[in-house]
Amino acid sequence: MNDLKLALLGFGNAGQAFVKMLSEKLPEIQRIYGRSVKVTAIATASKGTIIDAGGIDLLQVCADIEHFGKFADDTLGLCHKDALAVIEEADCDVVCELTPLEIFTGQPAIDHIKMAFACGKHVITANKGPVAWAFDELKSLAKEKGLCFFYETTVMDGTPVFNLVEHTLKFCQVTEVSGILNSTTNYILEGLAQGKPYDDVIVAGKKKGFIEANPAMDIEGYDAAAKITALLNVLMDAGLTPSEVDRTGIENITVSDIKEAASRGRVIKLLCRGWRKDGRVYASVKPVEVEMQDMLATIDSTTSVISITTDLMGKLSVIEHAPEIEQTAYGIFGDVIRVLDTEK
């Protein structure tokens, strides 16, 4: 059986962690599946683009980025083609959409995925934008073409949320989804509750690498809105977009608000929630006061939690404890393995 060939669109921290994980696990993959996995293209906006049908030396390109901040000038197959050209021209079976999120439209990732399907290629996306903004259309295109469309990494990194429902909750209807899905706001609220100045909390979070240079999309609830939309579109067939989420961020939460909540035995958390009513799915992202004895109150720092309520299994909760970049990498890796399983 031929090797499974991947094209990566985007090669940031998650992409680099993924290829290192893939390189480490290749002998085991070859033993179990009787075939290997190789990356034949990487397209980036700032580091260059590589197309090499023979397979890219993954550890070398990671080392080059660490040393030069881009692909080395003598890299075999180095070129200046854009993502759409790579999708069309590269010898690959799977397109991995790893580009940065454009939170208000899901583009250009949506067009990347459409092009991949048009070219008869499976898609794995770590970018939540397409699932939040165009899931029904993309799912239909994949089904029409008989192609895989996997997206486990889009919410809670590599935590098997979508796989959990699809593979182990068969015949269950999801009636509600809720959780703490944005680690930045959770970290900020916790820091304020500990009496730390807001600016100090932001600076510390940036140094640790999980608060963006401009954290407005997190603080104002846009990232959380995209995540709950993606969850509801997949798990509840909601057909929503992030613009339909009743969204309130934490930008107006003060230390006084946090102290007042604490005086009542409560803590403030940014809660995402989706529910079905009268045949329609509704969604909200709002700061709420949670009782100290509630499980949600224990979700600290960069930890996330999702609770899924079903008709047959009741309410289940999954917690991802303080994830690192390896968890995101595993989400991509796990979807690659799913493609291998599909093609057995």
Protein backbone atom coordinates (compact mmCIF):
# COMPACT_ATOMS: atom_id res chain seq x y z
CA MET A 1 0.00 0.00 0.00
CA ASN A 2 1.26 3.47 -0.87
CA ASP A 3 2.37 5.98 1.73
CA LEU A 4 -0.24 8.47 2.97
CA LYS A 5 0.91 11.88 1.73
CA LEU A 6 0.09 15.12 3.55
CA ALA A 7 0.17 18.78 2.56
CA LEU A 8 0.31 21.21 5.48
CA LEU A 9 -1.16 24.68 5.10
CA GLY A 10 0.48 26.67 7.86
CA PHE A 11 3.46 25.63 9.93
CA GLY A 12 3.30 27.39 13.27
CA ASN A 13 3.95 25.90 16.69
CA ALA A 14 1.19 23.30 16.35
CA GLY A 15 2.33 22.19 12.91
CA GLN A 16 5.92 21.85 14.02
CA ALA A 17 4.92 19.91 17.15
CA PHE A 18 2.75 17.66 14.96
CA VAL A 19 5.55 16.73 12.53
CA LYS A 20 7.90 15.99 15.42
CA MET A 21 5.26 13.68 16.91
CA LEU A 22 4.67 12.08 13.51
CA SER A 23 8.40 11.51 13.03
CA GLU A 24 8.65 9.83 16.41
CA LYS A 25 5.70 7.52 15.74
CA LEU A 26 6.47 6.59 12.12
CA PRO A 27 8.07 3.21 12.91
CA GLU A 28 4.99 2.21 14.90
CA ILE A 29 2.65 3.45 12.16
CA GLN A 30 4.57 1.45 9.56
CA ARG A 31 4.42 -1.68 11.72
CA ILE A 32 0.67 -1.42 12.38
CA TYR A 33 -0.59 -0.13 9.02
CA GLY A 34 2.00 -1.50 6.62
CA ARG A 35 2.46 1.96 5.14
CA SER A 36 4.11 5.20 6.10
CA VAL A 37 3.02 8.82 6.29
CA LYS A 38 5.05 11.54 4.65
CA VAL A 39 4.63 15.28 4.23
CA THR A 40 5.06 16.29 0.58
CA ALA A 41 4.18 20.00 0.88
CA ILE A 42 4.20 22.80 3.43
CA ALA A 43 2.73 26.19 2.54
CA THR A 44 3.26 29.23 4.76
CA ALA A 45 2.81 32.97 4.41
CA SER A 46 6.08 33.96 6.09
CA LYS A 47 8.49 31.01 6.15
CA GLY A 48 8.29 29.97 2.49
CA THR A 49 6.67 27.03 0.73
CA ILE A 50 8.08 23.57 0.04
CA ILE A 51 6.77 21.03 -2.47
CA ASP A 52 8.71 17.77 -2.55
CA ALA A 53 6.97 14.63 -3.80
CA GLY A 54 9.73 12.49 -2.29
CA GLY A 55 8.90 13.65 1.22
CA ILE A 56 10.17 16.60 3.24
CA ASP A 57 12.85 16.13 5.91
CA LEU A 58 10.61 17.23 8.78
CA LEU A 59 13.14 17.44 11.56
CA GLN A 60 15.49 19.43 9.35
CA VAL A 61 12.88 22.03 8.40
CA CYS A 62 11.96 22.42 12.08
CA ALA A 63 15.62 22.98 12.90
CA ASP A 64 15.90 25.50 10.06
CA ILE A 65 12.94 27.49 11.37
CA GLU A 66 14.43 27.50 14.85
CA HIS A 67 17.74 28.74 13.45
CA PHE A 68 16.72 31.05 10.57
CA GLY A 69 13.05 31.80 11.31
CA LYS A 70 12.16 30.38 7.89
CA PHE A 71 12.94 27.47 5.57
CA ALA A 72 16.60 27.38 4.58
CA ASP A 73 17.41 28.77 1.12
CA ASP A 74 18.83 25.44 -0.05
CA THR A 75 15.76 23.41 0.97
CA LEU A 76 14.78 20.99 -1.79
CA GLY A 77 11.50 22.07 -3.38
CA LEU A 78 11.49 25.58 -1.91
CA CYS A 79 9.18 27.88 -3.88
CA HIS A 80 6.77 30.79 -3.53
CA LYS A 81 3.46 29.13 -4.38
CA ASP A 82 0.40 30.04 -2.31
CA ALA A 83 -1.86 27.64 -0.45
CA LEU A 84 -4.40 27.19 -3.26
CA ALA A 85 -1.64 26.36 -5.75
CA VAL A 86 -0.15 23.86 -3.31
CA ILE A 87 -3.52 22.15 -2.84
CA GLU A 88 -3.96 21.85 -6.59
CA GLU A 89 -0.40 20.90 -7.56
CA ALA A 90 1.12 18.94 -4.68
CA ASP A 91 1.16 15.16 -4.72
CA CYS A 92 -0.88 14.60 -1.57
CA ASP A 93 -3.84 12.60 -0.27
CA VAL A 94 -4.68 14.81 2.71
CA VAL A 95 -4.70 18.58 3.14
CA CYS A 96 -4.12 19.71 6.73
CA GLU A 97 -5.56 23.20 7.25
CA LEU A 98 -3.40 24.70 10.00
CA THR A 99 -3.53 28.38 9.05
CA PRO A 100 -4.36 31.07 11.65
CA LEU A 101 -8.01 31.64 12.48
CA GLU A 102 -9.81 34.55 10.83
CA ILE A 103 -12.53 34.75 13.43
CA PHE A 104 -15.11 36.89 11.59
CA THR A 105 -15.35 34.95 8.31
CA GLY A 106 -13.46 31.65 8.54
CA GLN A 107 -11.60 32.62 5.38
CA PRO A 108 -9.36 31.80 3.58
CA ALA A 109 -9.47 28.42 5.33
CA ILE A 110 -12.96 27.69 3.98
CA ASP A 111 -11.79 28.19 0.41
CA HIS A 112 -8.73 26.04 1.08
CA ILE A 113 -10.97 23.18 2.19
CA LYS A 114 -13.34 23.60 -0.76
CA MET A 115 -10.37 23.45 -3.15
CA ALA A 116 -9.06 20.30 -1.44
CA PHE A 117 -12.40 18.55 -1.85
CA ALA A 118 -12.63 19.70 -5.47
CA CYS A 119 -9.22 18.07 -6.01
CA GLY A 120 -10.36 14.82 -4.38
CA LYS A 121 -8.27 15.20 -1.23
CA HIS A 122 -9.20 14.43 2.37
CA VAL A 123 -9.15 17.32 4.84
CA ILE A 124 -8.01 17.65 8.43
CA THR A 125 -8.49 21.08 9.99
CA ALA A 126 -7.19 22.51 13.23
CA ASN A 127 -8.75 25.84 12.25
CA LYS A 128 -12.16 26.25 13.89
CA GLY A 129 -13.28 28.94 11.44
CA PRO A 130 -14.56 26.58 8.71
CA VAL A 131 -16.49 24.45 11.23
CA ALA A 132 -17.99 27.56 12.82
CA TRP A 133 -18.87 29.38 9.60
CA ALA A 134 -19.48 26.77 6.88
CA PHE A 135 -19.77 23.32 8.46
CA ASP A 136 -22.91 22.12 6.69
CA GLU A 137 -21.60 23.04 3.25
CA LEU A 138 -18.18 21.49 3.84
CA LYS A 139 -19.65 18.34 5.37
CA SER A 140 -21.92 17.94 2.34
CA LEU A 141 -19.02 18.42 -0.08
CA ALA A 142 -16.96 15.78 1.72
CA LYS A 143 -19.86 13.32 1.71
CA GLU A 144 -20.58 13.95 -1.97
CA LYS A 145 -16.95 13.23 -2.86
CA GLY A 146 -16.56 10.30 -0.44
CA LEU A 147 -13.75 12.09 1.40
CA CYS A 148 -12.74 12.40 5.05
CA PHE A 149 -13.36 15.68 6.85
CA PHE A 150 -11.90 15.60 10.37
CA TYR A 151 -11.65 18.49 12.86
CA GLU A 152 -10.92 17.15 16.34
CA THR A 153 -8.33 19.83 17.06
CA THR A 154 -10.73 22.75 16.54
CA VAL A 155 -12.04 22.71 20.13
CA MET A 156 -10.08 21.72 23.25
CA ASP A 157 -6.96 20.75 21.29
CA GLY A 158 -6.58 16.98 21.09
CA THR A 159 -9.29 16.15 23.62
CA PRO A 160 -11.55 13.58 21.90
CA VAL A 161 -14.82 15.51 22.07
CA PHE A 162 -16.20 14.91 18.58
CA ASN A 163 -14.88 11.33 18.55
CA LEU A 164 -16.48 10.69 21.93
CA VAL A 165 -19.94 11.54 20.65
CA GLU A 166 -19.56 9.97 17.21
CA HIS A 167 -18.04 6.67 18.28
CA THR A 168 -19.16 6.00 21.85
CA LEU A 169 -22.51 7.77 22.23
CA LYS A 170 -24.31 6.14 19.32
CA PHE A 171 -28.08 6.79 19.19
CA CYS A 172 -27.74 9.49 21.84
CA GLN A 173 -29.20 12.87 20.97
CA VAL A 174 -27.20 15.78 22.33
CA THR A 175 -29.60 18.23 23.98
CA GLU A 176 -27.16 20.69 25.54
CA VAL A 177 -23.46 21.58 25.41
CA SER A 178 -21.74 23.82 27.94
CA GLY A 179 -18.29 24.53 29.27
CA ILE A 180 -15.31 26.77 29.85
CA LEU A 181 -13.58 26.80 26.48
CA ASN A 182 -11.36 29.87 26.44
CA SER A 183 -8.23 29.46 28.55
CA THR A 184 -7.15 33.11 28.24
CA THR A 185 -10.24 34.49 29.95
CA ASN A 186 -10.16 31.74 32.55
CA TYR A 187 -6.55 32.61 33.37
CA ILE A 188 -7.31 36.34 33.55
CA LEU A 189 -10.33 35.94 35.80
CA GLU A 190 -8.36 33.66 38.11
CA GLY A 191 -5.49 36.14 38.30
CA LEU A 192 -7.85 39.01 39.14
CA ALA A 193 -9.52 36.89 41.81
CA GLN A 194 -6.07 36.40 43.37
CA GLY A 195 -5.67 40.17 43.62
CA LYS A 196 -3.20 40.59 40.76
CA PRO A 197 -3.39 43.78 38.65
CA TYR A 198 -4.94 43.23 35.21
CA ASP A 199 -1.84 44.40 33.30
CA ASP A 200 0.39 42.07 35.31
CA VAL A 201 -1.88 39.11 34.53
CA ILE A 202 -1.76 39.90 30.80
CA VAL A 203 2.03 40.30 30.76
CA ALA A 204 2.53 37.02 32.63
CA GLY A 205 0.20 35.20 30.26
CA LYS A 206 2.02 36.55 27.21
CA LYS A 207 5.35 35.42 28.63
CA LYS A 208 3.94 31.92 29.09
CA GLY A 209 2.79 31.94 25.48
CA PHE A 210 -0.95 31.41 25.80
CA ILE A 211 -2.13 35.02 25.68
CA GLU A 212 -1.92 36.61 22.23
CA ALA A 213 -0.18 39.89 21.56
CA ASN A 214 -3.68 41.33 21.14
CA PRO A 215 -6.00 39.31 23.39
CA ALA A 216 -9.15 41.24 22.44
CA MET A 217 -10.71 38.32 20.54
CA ASP A 218 -10.47 36.21 23.69
CA ILE A 219 -11.45 38.90 26.18
CA GLU A 220 -14.48 40.01 24.17
CA GLY A 221 -15.72 36.43 23.78
CA TYR A 222 -15.23 36.00 20.03
CA ASP A 223 -12.98 32.96 20.32
CA ALA A 224 -15.38 31.29 22.75
CA ALA A 225 -18.30 32.08 20.41
CA ALA A 226 -16.50 30.38 17.51
CA LYS A 227 -15.78 27.32 19.66
CA ILE A 228 -19.32 26.86 20.94
CA THR A 229 -20.62 27.36 17.39
CA ALA A 230 -18.29 24.65 16.07
CA LEU A 231 -19.40 22.28 18.81
CA LEU A 232 -23.08 22.90 18.21
CA ASN A 233 -22.79 22.60 14.44
CA VAL A 234 -21.18 19.18 14.75
CA LEU A 235 -22.90 17.75 17.83
CA MET A 236 -26.38 19.26 17.48
CA ASP A 237 -26.65 19.96 13.73
CA ALA A 238 -27.26 23.61 14.69
CA GLY A 239 -26.44 25.34 11.42
CA LEU A 240 -25.25 28.41 13.34
CA THR A 241 -22.54 30.98 12.75
CA PRO A 242 -20.65 32.84 15.52
CA SER A 243 -22.59 36.02 14.73
CA GLU A 244 -25.74 34.31 16.05
CA VAL A 245 -24.25 33.64 19.49
CA ASP A 246 -25.51 35.83 22.35
CA ARG A 247 -22.02 37.02 23.26
CA THR A 248 -20.70 38.98 26.23
CA GLY A 249 -16.99 38.93 27.07
CA ILE A 250 -15.16 39.74 30.30
CA GLU A 251 -13.97 43.22 29.30
CA ASN A 252 -16.38 44.86 31.74
CA ILE A 253 -15.75 42.51 34.68
CA THR A 254 -14.03 44.40 37.49
CA VAL A 255 -12.12 43.33 40.57
CA SER A 256 -15.09 44.65 42.53
CA ASP A 257 -17.40 42.27 40.64
CA ILE A 258 -15.11 39.37 41.47
CA LYS A 259 -14.92 40.32 45.16
CA GLU A 260 -18.68 40.69 45.40
CA ALA A 261 -19.17 37.25 43.85
CA ALA A 262 -16.65 35.79 46.29
CA SER A 263 -18.56 37.32 49.22
CA ARG A 264 -21.55 35.24 48.08
CA GLY A 265 -19.45 32.08 47.83
CA ARG A 266 -19.17 32.28 44.07
CA VAL A 267 -16.58 32.69 41.33
CA ILE A 268 -17.00 34.30 37.90
CA LYS A 269 -16.35 32.16 34.81
CA LEU A 270 -16.89 32.80 31.10
CA LEU A 271 -19.40 30.06 30.28
CA CYS A 272 -20.25 28.82 26.80
CA ARG A 273 -23.62 27.16 26.39
CA GLY A 274 -25.83 25.78 23.64
CA TRP A 275 -29.28 24.28 24.02
CA ARG A 276 -32.28 23.19 21.97
CA LYS A 277 -35.67 24.83 22.38
CA ASP A 278 -38.76 24.50 20.17
CA GLY A 279 -36.74 22.74 17.49
CA ARG A 280 -34.04 25.38 17.32
CA VAL A 281 -30.52 25.56 18.80
CA TYR A 282 -29.51 28.67 20.74
CA ALA A 283 -26.04 29.65 21.95
CA SER A 284 -24.55 32.05 24.45
CA VAL A 285 -21.17 33.12 25.80
CA LYS A 286 -21.45 35.06 29.05
CA PRO A 287 -19.67 35.65 32.37
CA VAL A 288 -21.65 33.83 35.06
CA GLU A 289 -21.33 33.41 38.80
CA VAL A 290 -20.66 29.81 39.76
CA GLU A 291 -21.08 28.33 43.23
CA MET A 292 -17.72 27.44 44.82
CA GLN A 293 -18.77 23.80 45.20
CA ASP A 294 -19.65 23.52 41.51
CA MET A 295 -17.21 21.60 39.30
CA LEU A 296 -16.84 24.65 37.05
CA ALA A 297 -15.35 26.61 39.94
CA THR A 298 -12.42 24.18 40.05
CA ILE A 299 -11.46 24.76 36.40
CA ASP A 300 -8.37 26.88 36.91
CA SER A 301 -5.69 28.56 34.82
CA THR A 302 -5.55 27.17 31.26
CA THR A 303 -7.66 24.10 31.99
CA SER A 304 -10.86 23.69 29.96
CA VAL A 305 -14.03 21.64 30.42
CA ILE A 306 -16.93 20.60 28.24
CA SER A 307 -20.19 19.05 29.45
CA ILE A 308 -22.43 17.22 27.01
CA THR A 309 -26.03 16.41 27.95
CA THR A 310 -27.77 13.60 26.07
CA ASP A 311 -31.15 11.91 26.15
CA LEU A 312 -29.80 8.41 26.86
CA MET A 313 -26.58 8.94 28.84
CA GLY A 314 -27.44 12.07 30.79
CA LYS A 315 -24.65 14.58 31.34
CA LEU A 316 -20.99 13.78 30.70
CA SER A 317 -18.03 16.09 31.32
CA VAL A 318 -14.52 16.01 29.91
CA ILE A 319 -11.70 18.09 31.42
CA GLU A 320 -8.47 18.98 29.63
CA HIS A 321 -5.89 19.83 32.28
CA ALA A 322 -3.52 22.71 31.45
CA PRO A 323 -2.76 21.68 27.85
CA GLU A 324 0.55 22.31 26.12
CA ILE A 325 1.24 22.45 22.39
CA GLU A 326 1.63 18.64 22.34
CA GLN A 327 -2.10 18.24 22.99
CA THR A 328 -2.88 20.32 19.91
CA ALA A 329 -0.36 18.29 17.91
CA TYR A 330 -2.01 15.09 19.06
CA GLY A 331 -5.39 16.27 17.78
CA ILE A 332 -3.90 16.59 14.29
CA PHE A 333 -2.01 13.32 14.67
CA GLY A 334 -5.14 11.50 15.80
CA ASP A 335 -7.05 12.70 12.74
CA VAL A 336 -4.25 11.45 10.48
CA ILE A 337 -4.59 8.05 12.12
CA ARG A 338 -8.36 8.20 11.48
CA VAL A 339 -7.64 8.67 7.77
CA LEU A 340 -5.37 5.63 7.86
CA ASP A 341 -8.14 3.65 9.56
CA THR A 342 -10.66 4.79 6.96
CA GLU A 343 -8.43 3.65 4.13
CA LYS A 344 -7.71 0.17 5.54
